[in-house]
Amino acid sequence: MKLHREAIGAVFGLVLAVVAMAGTIHTDLYVQAAGAAARGDQALFQPVVRP
């Protein structure tokens, strides 16, 4: 019986995470975060130029 409770908790957590991610994707927060990540990655791969 304990295994069923743990499985139900795991499934509930997964469903909650999926709903939260879907809600985030439908907002501008996701777009802003993705843009910031892309700019950060681009900055990391720029060559270092020494004067």
PDB file of N, CA and C in Angstrom:
ATOM      1  N   MET A   1       0.827  -1.198   0.000  1.00  0.00           N
ATOM      2  CA  MET A   1       0.000   0.000   0.000  1.00  0.00           C
ATOM      3  C   MET A   1       0.868   1.256   0.000  1.00  0.00           C
ATOM      4  N   LYS A   2       2.013   1.200   0.671  1.00  0.00           N
ATOM      5  CA  LYS A   2       2.885   2.370   0.728  1.00  0.00           C
ATOM      6  C   LYS A   2       3.416   2.717  -0.660  1.00  0.00           C
ATOM      7  N   LEU A   3       3.682   1.694  -1.469  1.00  0.00           N
ATOM      8  CA  LEU A   3       4.189   1.923  -2.813  1.00  0.00           C
ATOM      9  C   LEU A   3       3.179   2.706  -3.649  1.00  0.00           C
ATOM     10  N   HIS A   4       1.908   2.402  -3.492  1.00  0.00           N
ATOM     11  CA  HIS A   4       0.878   3.106  -4.243  1.00  0.00           C
ATOM     12  C   HIS A   4       0.831   4.579  -3.842  1.00  0.00           C
ATOM     13  N   ARG A   5       1.011   4.874  -2.571  1.00  0.00           N
ATOM     14  CA  ARG A   5       1.007   6.270  -2.129  1.00  0.00           C
ATOM     15  C   ARG A   5       2.186   7.024  -2.723  1.00  0.00           C
ATOM     16  N   GLU A   6       3.337   6.390  -2.750  1.00  0.00           N
ATOM     17  CA  GLU A   6       4.516   7.039  -3.328  1.00  0.00           C
ATOM     18  C   GLU A   6       4.341   7.248  -4.827  1.00  0.00           C
ATOM     19  N   ALA A   7       3.740   6.280  -5.502  1.00  0.00           N
ATOM     20  CA  ALA A   7       3.516   6.408  -6.940  1.00  0.00           C
ATOM     21  C   ALA A   7       2.513   7.526  -7.229  1.00  0.00           C
ATOM     22  N   ILE A   8       1.479   7.608  -6.429  1.00  0.00           N
ATOM     23  CA  ILE A   8       0.489   8.667  -6.608  1.00  0.00           C
ATOM     24  C   ILE A   8       1.132  10.028  -6.382  1.00  0.00           C
ATOM     25  N   GLY A   9       1.980  10.131  -5.370  1.00  0.00           N
ATOM     26  CA  GLY A   9       2.690  11.384  -5.115  1.00  0.00           C
ATOM     27  C   GLY A   9       3.613  11.763  -6.261  1.00  0.00           C
ATOM     28  N   ALA A  10       4.299  10.763  -6.823  1.00  0.00           N
ATOM     29  CA  ALA A  10       5.206  11.029  -7.940  1.00  0.00           C
ATOM     30  C   ALA A  10       4.431  11.487  -9.177  1.00  0.00           C
ATOM     31  N   VAL A  11       3.331  10.838  -9.458  1.00  0.00           N
ATOM     32  CA  VAL A  11       2.515  11.210 -10.611  1.00  0.00           C
ATOM     33  C   VAL A  11       1.926  12.604 -10.420  1.00  0.00           C
ATOM     34  N   PHE A  12       1.454  12.891  -9.222  1.00  0.00           N
ATOM     35  CA  PHE A  12       0.899  14.210  -8.930  1.00  0.00           C
ATOM     36  C   PHE A  12       1.970  15.284  -9.106  1.00  0.00           C
ATOM     37  N   GLY A  13       3.170  15.023  -8.630  1.00  0.00           N
ATOM     38  CA  GLY A  13       4.270  15.984  -8.796  1.00  0.00           C
ATOM     39  C   GLY A  13       4.626  16.198 -10.251  1.00  0.00           C
ATOM     40  N   LEU A  14       4.624  15.132 -11.038  1.00  0.00           N
ATOM     41  CA  LEU A  14       4.925  15.244 -12.461  1.00  0.00           C
ATOM     42  C   LEU A  14       3.861  16.060 -13.176  1.00  0.00           C
ATOM     43  N   VAL A  15       2.592  15.787 -12.872  1.00  0.00           N
ATOM     44  CA  VAL A  15       1.502  16.537 -13.490  1.00  0.00           C
ATOM     45  C   VAL A  15       1.597  18.008 -13.106  1.00  0.00           C
ATOM     46  N   LEU A  16       1.880  18.296 -11.859  1.00  0.00           N
ATOM     47  CA  LEU A  16       2.015  19.673 -11.408  1.00  0.00           C
ATOM     48  C   LEU A  16       3.165  20.379 -12.125  1.00  0.00           C
ATOM     49  N   ALA A  17       4.276  19.687 -12.308  1.00  0.00           N
ATOM     50  CA  ALA A  17       5.422  20.279 -12.999  1.00  0.00           C
ATOM     51  C   ALA A  17       5.093  20.565 -14.464  1.00  0.00           C
ATOM     52  N   VAL A  18       4.382  19.656 -15.113  1.00  0.00           N
ATOM     53  CA  VAL A  18       4.018  19.853 -16.517  1.00  0.00           C
ATOM     54  C   VAL A  18       3.065  21.040 -16.653  1.00  0.00           C
ATOM     55  N   VAL A  19       2.101  21.146 -15.751  1.00  0.00           N
ATOM     56  CA  VAL A  19       1.165  22.264 -15.790  1.00  0.00           C
ATOM     57  C   VAL A  19       1.906  23.582 -15.556  1.00  0.00           C
ATOM     58  N   ALA A  20       2.844  23.584 -14.611  1.00  0.00           N
ATOM     59  CA  ALA A  20       3.609  24.799 -14.333  1.00  0.00           C
ATOM     60  C   ALA A  20       4.466  25.191 -15.540  1.00  0.00           C
ATOM     61  N   MET A  21       5.087  24.220 -16.198  1.00  0.00           N
ATOM     62  CA  MET A  21       5.905  24.513 -17.373  1.00  0.00           C
ATOM     63  C   MET A  21       5.039  25.029 -18.516  1.00  0.00           C
ATOM     64  N   ALA A  22       3.881  24.427 -18.718  1.00  0.00           N
ATOM     65  CA  ALA A  22       2.983  24.881 -19.777  1.00  0.00           C
ATOM     66  C   ALA A  22       2.519  26.310 -19.503  1.00  0.00           C
ATOM     67  N   GLY A  23       2.246  26.616 -18.257  1.00  0.00           N
ATOM     68  CA  GLY A  23       1.853  27.977 -17.904  1.00  0.00           C
ATOM     69  C   GLY A  23       2.968  28.970 -18.126  1.00  0.00           C
ATOM     70  N   THR A  24       4.185  28.565 -17.859  1.00  0.00           N
ATOM     71  CA  THR A  24       5.335  29.442 -18.051  1.00  0.00           C
ATOM     72  C   THR A  24       5.601  29.693 -19.530  1.00  0.00           C
ATOM     73  N   ILE A  25       5.451  28.661 -20.347  1.00  0.00           N
ATOM     74  CA  ILE A  25       5.716  28.800 -21.778  1.00  0.00           C
ATOM     75  C   ILE A  25       4.722  29.757 -22.423  1.00  0.00           C
ATOM     76  N   HIS A  26       3.506  29.816 -21.906  1.00  0.00           N
ATOM     77  CA  HIS A  26       2.493  30.689 -22.493  1.00  0.00           C
ATOM     78  C   HIS A  26       2.608  32.133 -22.012  1.00  0.00           C
ATOM     79  N   THR A  27       3.646  32.456 -21.285  1.00  0.00           N
ATOM     80  CA  THR A  27       3.857  33.828 -20.842  1.00  0.00           C
ATOM     81  C   THR A  27       5.116  34.381 -21.502  1.00  0.00           C
ATOM     82  N   ASP A  28       5.351  35.653 -21.323  1.00  0.00           N
ATOM     83  CA  ASP A  28       6.559  36.255 -21.869  1.00  0.00           C
ATOM     84  C   ASP A  28       7.791  35.941 -21.029  1.00  0.00           C
ATOM     85  N   LEU A  29       7.606  35.408 -19.840  1.00  0.00           N
ATOM     86  CA  LEU A  29       8.756  35.082 -18.996  1.00  0.00           C
ATOM     87  C   LEU A  29       9.655  34.050 -19.663  1.00  0.00           C
ATOM     88  N   TYR A  30       9.056  33.075 -20.316  1.00  0.00           N
ATOM     89  CA  TYR A  30       9.841  32.049 -20.990  1.00  0.00           C
ATOM     90  C   TYR A  30      10.649  32.646 -22.133  1.00  0.00           C
ATOM     91  N   VAL A  31      10.031  33.519 -22.897  1.00  0.00           N
ATOM     92  CA  VAL A  31      10.706  34.155 -24.030  1.00  0.00           C
ATOM     93  C   VAL A  31      11.868  35.011 -23.525  1.00  0.00           C
ATOM     94  N   GLN A  32      11.642  35.748 -22.463  1.00  0.00           N
ATOM     95  CA  GLN A  32      12.708  36.590 -21.910  1.00  0.00           C
ATOM     96  C   GLN A  32      13.857  35.740 -21.380  1.00  0.00           C
ATOM     97  N   ALA A  33      13.530  34.648 -20.690  1.00  0.00           N
ATOM     98  CA  ALA A  33      14.572  33.780 -20.147  1.00  0.00           C
ATOM     99  C   ALA A  33      15.362  33.109 -21.264  1.00  0.00           C
ATOM    100  N   ALA A  34      14.677  32.667 -22.304  1.00  0.00           N
ATOM    101  CA  ALA A  34      15.364  32.030 -23.425  1.00  0.00           C
ATOM    102  C   ALA A  34      16.271  33.028 -24.138  1.00  0.00           C
ATOM    103  N   GLY A  35      15.806  34.264 -24.301  1.00  0.00           N
ATOM    104  CA  GLY A  35      16.633  35.287 -24.932  1.00  0.00           C
ATOM    105  C   GLY A  35      17.858  35.615 -24.105  1.00  0.00           C
ATOM    106  N   ALA A  36      17.682  35.692 -22.799  1.00  0.00           N
ATOM    107  CA  ALA A  36      18.819  35.972 -21.915  1.00  0.00           C
ATOM    108  C   ALA A  36      19.830  34.831 -21.952  1.00  0.00           C
ATOM    109  N   ALA A  37      19.342  33.619 -21.993  1.00  0.00           N
ATOM    110  CA  ALA A  37      20.248  32.468 -22.066  1.00  0.00           C
ATOM    111  C   ALA A  37      21.018  32.474 -23.382  1.00  0.00           C
ATOM    112  N   ALA A  38      20.336  32.804 -24.462  1.00  0.00           N
ATOM    113  CA  ALA A  38      21.012  32.847 -25.757  1.00  0.00           C
ATOM    114  C   ALA A  38      22.074  33.937 -25.780  1.00  0.00           C
ATOM    115  N   ARG A  39      21.758  35.105 -25.220  1.00  0.00           N
ATOM    116  CA  ARG A  39      22.753  36.186 -25.181  1.00  0.00           C
ATOM    117  C   ARG A  39      23.933  35.792 -24.293  1.00  0.00           C
ATOM    118  N   GLY A  40      23.660  35.111 -23.190  1.00  0.00           N
ATOM    119  CA  GLY A  40      24.737  34.679 -22.310  1.00  0.00           C
ATOM    120  C   GLY A  40      25.642  33.662 -22.975  1.00  0.00           C
ATOM    121  N   ASP A  41      25.041  32.708 -23.693  1.00  0.00           N
ATOM    122  CA  ASP A  41      25.837  31.710 -24.402  1.00  0.00           C
ATOM    123  C   ASP A  41      26.673  32.365 -25.492  1.00  0.00           C
ATOM    124  N   GLN A  42      26.095  33.319 -26.182  1.00  0.00           N
ATOM    125  CA  GLN A  42      26.829  34.005 -27.239  1.00  0.00           C
ATOM    126  C   GLN A  42      28.023  34.758 -26.647  1.00  0.00           C
ATOM    127  N   ALA A  43      27.823  35.387 -25.499  1.00  0.00           N
ATOM    128  CA  ALA A  43      28.904  36.128 -24.854  1.00  0.00           C
ATOM    129  C   ALA A  43      30.011  35.192 -24.376  1.00  0.00           C
ATOM    130  N   LEU A  44      29.636  33.990 -23.961  1.00  0.00           N
ATOM    131  CA  LEU A  44      30.652  33.041 -23.493  1.00  0.00           C
ATOM    132  C   LEU A  44      31.583  32.581 -24.610  1.00  0.00           C
ATOM    133  N   PHE A  45      31.065  32.527 -25.831  1.00  0.00           N
ATOM    134  CA  PHE A  45      31.855  31.994 -26.927  1.00  0.00           C
ATOM    135  C   PHE A  45      32.526  33.067 -27.774  1.00  0.00           C
ATOM    136  N   GLN A  46      32.442  34.310 -27.353  1.00  0.00           N
ATOM    137  CA  GLN A  46      33.146  35.378 -28.058  1.00  0.00           C
ATOM    138  C   GLN A  46      34.640  35.258 -27.758  1.00  0.00           C
ATOM    139  N   PRO A  47      35.478  35.455 -28.767  1.00  0.00           N
ATOM    140  CA  PRO A  47      36.919  35.388 -28.502  1.00  0.00           C
ATOM    141  C   PRO A  47      37.375  36.550 -27.631  1.00  0.00           C
ATOM    142  N   VAL A  48      38.335  36.285 -26.803  1.00  0.00           N
ATOM    143  CA  VAL A  48      38.888  37.322 -25.942  1.00  0.00           C
ATOM    144  C   VAL A  48      39.982  38.037 -26.717  1.00  0.00           C
ATOM    145  N   VAL A  49      39.810  39.333 -26.853  1.00  0.00           N
ATOM    146  CA  VAL A  49      40.794  40.140 -27.603  1.00  0.00           C
ATOM    147  C   VAL A  49      41.566  40.986 -26.591  1.00  0.00           C
ATOM    148  N   ARG A  50      42.867  40.811 -26.588  1.00  0.00           N
ATOM    149  CA  ARG A  50      43.710  41.578 -25.679  1.00  0.00           C
ATOM    150  C   ARG A  50      44.317  42.756 -26.426  1.00  0.00           C
ATOM    151  N   PRO A  51      44.258  43.918 -25.834  1.00  0.00           N
ATOM    152  CA  PRO A  51      44.848  45.102 -26.523  1.00  0.00           C
ATOM    153  C   PRO A  51      46.354  45.070 -26.556  1.00  0.00           C
TER     154      PRO A  51
END
